[in-house]
C-alpha atoms as a PDB file:
ATOM      1  CA  MET A   1      10.249  41.210  -0.760  1.00  0.00           C
ATOM      2  CA  ARG A   2       6.595  41.916  -0.267  1.00  0.00           C
ATOM      3  CA  GLY A   3       4.343  39.391  -1.944  1.00  0.00           C
ATOM      4  CA  THR A   4       2.615  40.119  -5.203  1.00  0.00           C
ATOM      5  CA  ARG A   5      -0.681  38.694  -6.369  1.00  0.00           C
ATOM      6  CA  HIS A   6       0.955  35.441  -7.475  1.00  0.00           C
ATOM      7  CA  ASN A   7       4.012  35.503  -5.252  1.00  0.00           C
ATOM      8  CA  ILE A   8       3.420  36.003  -1.542  1.00  0.00           C
ATOM      9  CA  ASP A   9       6.157  35.451   0.967  1.00  0.00           C
ATOM     10  CA  ARG A  10       6.011  32.585   3.464  1.00  0.00           C
ATOM     11  CA  ARG A  11       5.298  34.710   6.574  1.00  0.00           C
ATOM     12  CA  GLU A  12       2.423  36.454   4.865  1.00  0.00           C
ATOM     13  CA  TYR A  13       0.988  33.115   3.692  1.00  0.00           C
ATOM     14  CA  LEU A  14       1.227  31.532   7.132  1.00  0.00           C
ATOM     15  CA  SER A  15      -0.272  34.540   8.906  1.00  0.00           C
ATOM     16  CA  SER A  16      -3.162  34.925   6.473  1.00  0.00           C
ATOM     17  CA  SER A  17      -6.564  34.652   8.117  1.00  0.00           C
ATOM     18  CA  ALA A  18      -7.638  32.458   5.205  1.00  0.00           C
ATOM     19  CA  ARG A  19      -5.315  29.714   6.502  1.00  0.00           C
ATOM     20  CA  LEU A  20      -7.271  29.298   9.745  1.00  0.00           C
ATOM     21  CA  TYR A  21      -9.621  26.814   8.128  1.00  0.00           C
ATOM     22  CA  ALA A  22      -9.333  24.847   4.927  1.00  0.00           C
ATOM     23  CA  ALA A  23     -11.980  22.394   3.805  1.00  0.00           C
ATOM     24  CA  ARG A  24     -10.721  18.877   3.343  1.00  0.00           C
ATOM     25  CA  GLY A  25     -11.985  15.367   2.829  1.00  0.00           C
ATOM     26  CA  GLU A  26     -15.725  14.995   2.366  1.00  0.00           C
ATOM     27  CA  GLU A  27     -16.200  18.724   3.044  1.00  0.00           C
ATOM     28  CA  LEU A  28     -14.915  19.388  -0.474  1.00  0.00           C
ATOM     29  CA  PRO A  29     -17.656  19.405  -3.129  1.00  0.00           C
ATOM     30  CA  GLN A  30     -15.589  17.328  -5.584  1.00  0.00           C
ATOM     31  CA  SER A  31     -14.949  14.584  -3.028  1.00  0.00           C
ATOM     32  CA  LYS A  32     -15.942  11.086  -4.174  1.00  0.00           C
ATOM     33  CA  LEU A  33     -15.262   9.398  -0.831  1.00  0.00           C
ATOM     34  CA  THR A  34     -16.557   9.911   2.676  1.00  0.00           C
ATOM     35  CA  ASP A  35     -14.440   9.813   5.814  1.00  0.00           C
ATOM     36  CA  ALA A  36     -16.024   6.424   6.587  1.00  0.00           C
ATOM     37  CA  ASP A  37     -15.059   5.153   3.108  1.00  0.00           C
ATOM     38  CA  VAL A  38     -11.426   6.122   3.652  1.00  0.00           C
ATOM     39  CA  ALA A  39     -11.366   4.519   7.105  1.00  0.00           C
ATOM     40  CA  LYS A  40     -12.775   1.291   5.618  1.00  0.00           C
ATOM     41  CA  ILE A  41     -10.289   1.371   2.713  1.00  0.00           C
ATOM     42  CA  ARG A  42      -7.419   1.743   5.162  1.00  0.00           C
ATOM     43  CA  ARG A  43      -8.706  -1.077   7.382  1.00  0.00           C
ATOM     44  CA  LEU A  44      -9.132  -3.425   4.410  1.00  0.00           C
ATOM     45  CA  HIS A  45      -5.708  -2.563   3.025  1.00  0.00           C
ATOM     46  CA  ASP A  46      -4.053  -3.080   6.418  1.00  0.00           C
ATOM     47  CA  ARG A  47      -5.817  -6.436   6.759  1.00  0.00           C
ATOM     48  CA  LYS A  48      -4.630  -7.423   3.265  1.00  0.00           C
ATOM     49  CA  GLN A  49      -1.068  -6.380   4.103  1.00  0.00           C
ATOM     50  CA  ARG A  50      -1.110  -8.508   7.270  1.00  0.00           C
ATOM     51  CA  LEU A  51      -2.508 -11.507   5.356  1.00  0.00           C
ATOM     52  CA  VAL A  52       0.064 -11.120   2.594  1.00  0.00           C
ATOM     53  CA  ALA A  53       2.869 -10.948   5.148  1.00  0.00           C
ATOM     54  CA  LYS A  54       1.530 -14.042   6.898  1.00  0.00           C
ATOM     55  CA  LEU A  55       1.174 -15.941   3.612  1.00  0.00           C
ATOM     56  CA  ASN A  56       4.601 -14.837   2.424  1.00  0.00           C
ATOM     57  CA  LYS A  57       6.095 -16.139   5.634  1.00  0.00           C
ATOM     58  CA  ARG A  58       4.241 -19.476   5.397  1.00  0.00           C
ATOM     59  CA  CYS A  59       4.677 -19.909   1.644  1.00  0.00           C
ATOM     60  CA  SER A  60       8.191 -18.602   1.140  1.00  0.00           C
ATOM     61  CA  VAL A  61      10.578 -20.756  -0.852  1.00  0.00           C
ATOM     62  CA  GLU A  62      12.519 -21.478   2.326  1.00  0.00           C
ATOM     63  CA  ALA A  63       9.374 -22.443   4.264  1.00  0.00           C
ATOM     64  CA  LEU A  64       8.163 -24.718   1.450  1.00  0.00           C
ATOM     65  CA  ALA A  65      11.589 -26.355   1.169  1.00  0.00           C
ATOM     66  CA  GLN A  66      11.616 -27.046   4.884  1.00  0.00           C
ATOM     67  CA  MET A  67       8.007 -28.300   4.773  1.00  0.00           C
ATOM     68  CA  PHE A  68       8.802 -30.796   1.993  1.00  0.00           C
ATOM     69  CA  GLY A  69      12.307 -31.651   3.189  1.00  0.00           C
ATOM     70  CA  VAL A  70      14.093 -30.529   0.026  1.00  0.00           C
ATOM     71  CA  HIS A  71      16.606 -27.864  -0.943  1.00  0.00           C
ATOM     72  CA  ARG A  72      15.218 -24.401  -1.714  1.00  0.00           C
ATOM     73  CA  ARG A  73      16.567 -24.639  -5.287  1.00  0.00           C
ATOM     74  CA  THR A  74      14.338 -27.696  -5.832  1.00  0.00           C
ATOM     75  CA  ILE A  75      11.317 -25.573  -4.889  1.00  0.00           C
ATOM     76  CA  GLU A  76      12.501 -22.702  -7.114  1.00  0.00           C
ATOM     77  CA  LYS A  77      12.850 -25.060 -10.098  1.00  0.00           C
ATOM     78  CA  ALA A  78       9.415 -26.544  -9.508  1.00  0.00           C
ATOM     79  CA  LEU A  79       7.829 -23.073  -9.234  1.00  0.00           C
ATOM     80  CA  SER A  80       9.506 -21.767 -12.395  1.00  0.00           C
ATOM     81  CA  GLN A  81       8.656 -25.010 -14.240  1.00  0.00           C
ATOM     82  CA  GLU A  82      12.333 -25.606 -14.850  1.00  0.00           C
ATOM     83  CA  SER A  83      11.484 -29.044 -13.517  1.00  0.00           C
ATOM     84  CA  TRP A  84       8.086 -30.698 -13.133  1.00  0.00           C
ATOM     85  CA  ALA A  85       6.840 -28.653 -16.128  1.00  0.00           C
ATOM     86  CA  HIS A  86       4.197 -31.253 -16.936  1.00  0.00           C
ATOM     87  CA  VAL A  87       2.374 -30.631 -13.628  1.00  0.00           C
ATOM     88  CA  ARG A  88      -0.253 -27.867 -13.527  1.00  0.00           C
ATOM     89  CA  ALA A  89      -1.307 -26.104 -10.328  1.00  0.00           C
ATOM     90  CA  ALA A  90      -4.470 -27.592  -8.889  1.00  0.00           C
END
């Protein structure tokens, strides 16, 4: 079926000369970010993800239990204030 104004077929769309170049990123007039902004955002997010992973590994319930020489359930109870409820985090 030959494409209509609102319904063009895939081959016609892909072969259209208009598809050779499409503005993107900061080339678009409505863009709020620059390419440099996006690169920085990605770097910061990646750094945060690495830090979170490192902290999660060091501060996991299992790691804390091993660090303090107690069972992991003891740590879970202390964290949920099921026990030691009178103590506030410093």
